[in-house]
Amino acid sequence: MLAFSTATMVAALAVQAVDPLPVAPVPVAPSAVVADEQRMPESPVVPVSPPVVPVAPVAAPQTVPVPAPVPAEPNAQKDIVVVGQSRDAGDPLRGVNAQAFGATQAVDSAVVGPVARVYKRKVPSPIRKGIHNFLYNLREPIVFVNFLLQFKPGKAAETVGRFVINSTVGAAGVIDVAKKRPFRLPRRSNGFANTLGYHGIGNGPFLFLPLVGPTTVRDLIGGTLDRLLLPTAIGSPFTDASYTVPAGVLGALDHRADFDETLKCLHDDVGDPYASSRAFYLHRRQAEIDHLHRRPPAPPPECQAALPATRIPVGAAGATETVPPPGP
């Protein structure tokens, strides 16, 4: 019995000693597997989340550059407008014009200017005034035609009256009788260039041509039509060299003498004489067209008041006396 009991106890102890060996790995293995399974998904989740995190900051930098371009845009637009309108659009031929201006100024300083000043100083004023009146009286038919083209029959009729009175009583226009009492018909400058501008034709590029001086494409075409009207409509003597040569020389001297003081103001002690002459010419031409439309002229540039005949007064009769645009 004792031996049997002892053997039974030994067997029971052996069973207890053996059973833990297989039982112990059972809880360990699942825990290890579970731990591995839990770690495996955690390691990929960690790298996936970092790419997601920068996505939120990407939207924030997009709002940062937005204020920066906003102040820059107006400056860029302003620069484009200033450069495009002031230089390229209005004076695309500035380089060529400036060279022609310089060459013309050299000839004017050496020859034309001194001769015109001698003409003004030596020829008596009544004779110079008579030549001036005679030459401008011959332009009255051109003025008449253009007032008709501008739908101004009243001024056209006054122009006819001036021409008839001065051509008869005024000794072929040498004396401007029509502007005095009792007629009071003032001289008005007009031409095909004004008619083109009156009907909305723009200046076109500014030009400075030798022997012509400052002009524009529109004014060059209009001036050519002015010069062709009388020779085409009447013929002789306006086609004869015996008239055209002396009339051209006297007209150039009279024109240059009238504008001597203005040209000094435009060219002497001026940083850019070319730009000064260009601004004066364009303003004066626009003022004449504005006057035809009964619009107030823009403020004149410097030297505009140096020559009274260039002013465009607004009076009760709407009258003015002007001379052609300044020469070189």
Foldseek 3Di string as FASTA:
>chain_A
DVVVVVVVVVVVVVVVVPVCVVVVVVVVVVVVVVVVVVVVVVVVVVVVVVVVVVVVVVVVVVVVCPVVVPVVVVVVVVVVVVVCPPDCFAAVPVVVQLVQVVVQVVCCVVPVVVVLVCCVVPPDPLVLLLLVQLLVLVLLVQVLVLCVLLVNNPLSVLSVVQSVCCCPVVVNRSRRPCCDPPNNRDDDDDWQLLSCVLVPNDQAYWHQHPPFGTGGPSRVVGVVCSLVPCCVVPNPPSPPPVPPVVNVVSVSSSQCNLCVQLLCFLQPPDPRSSVSLNQQQVQLSVCSSCLSVVHHGDDHDPSCPVHVQSDQDCDPVSDGHHDDGHHD
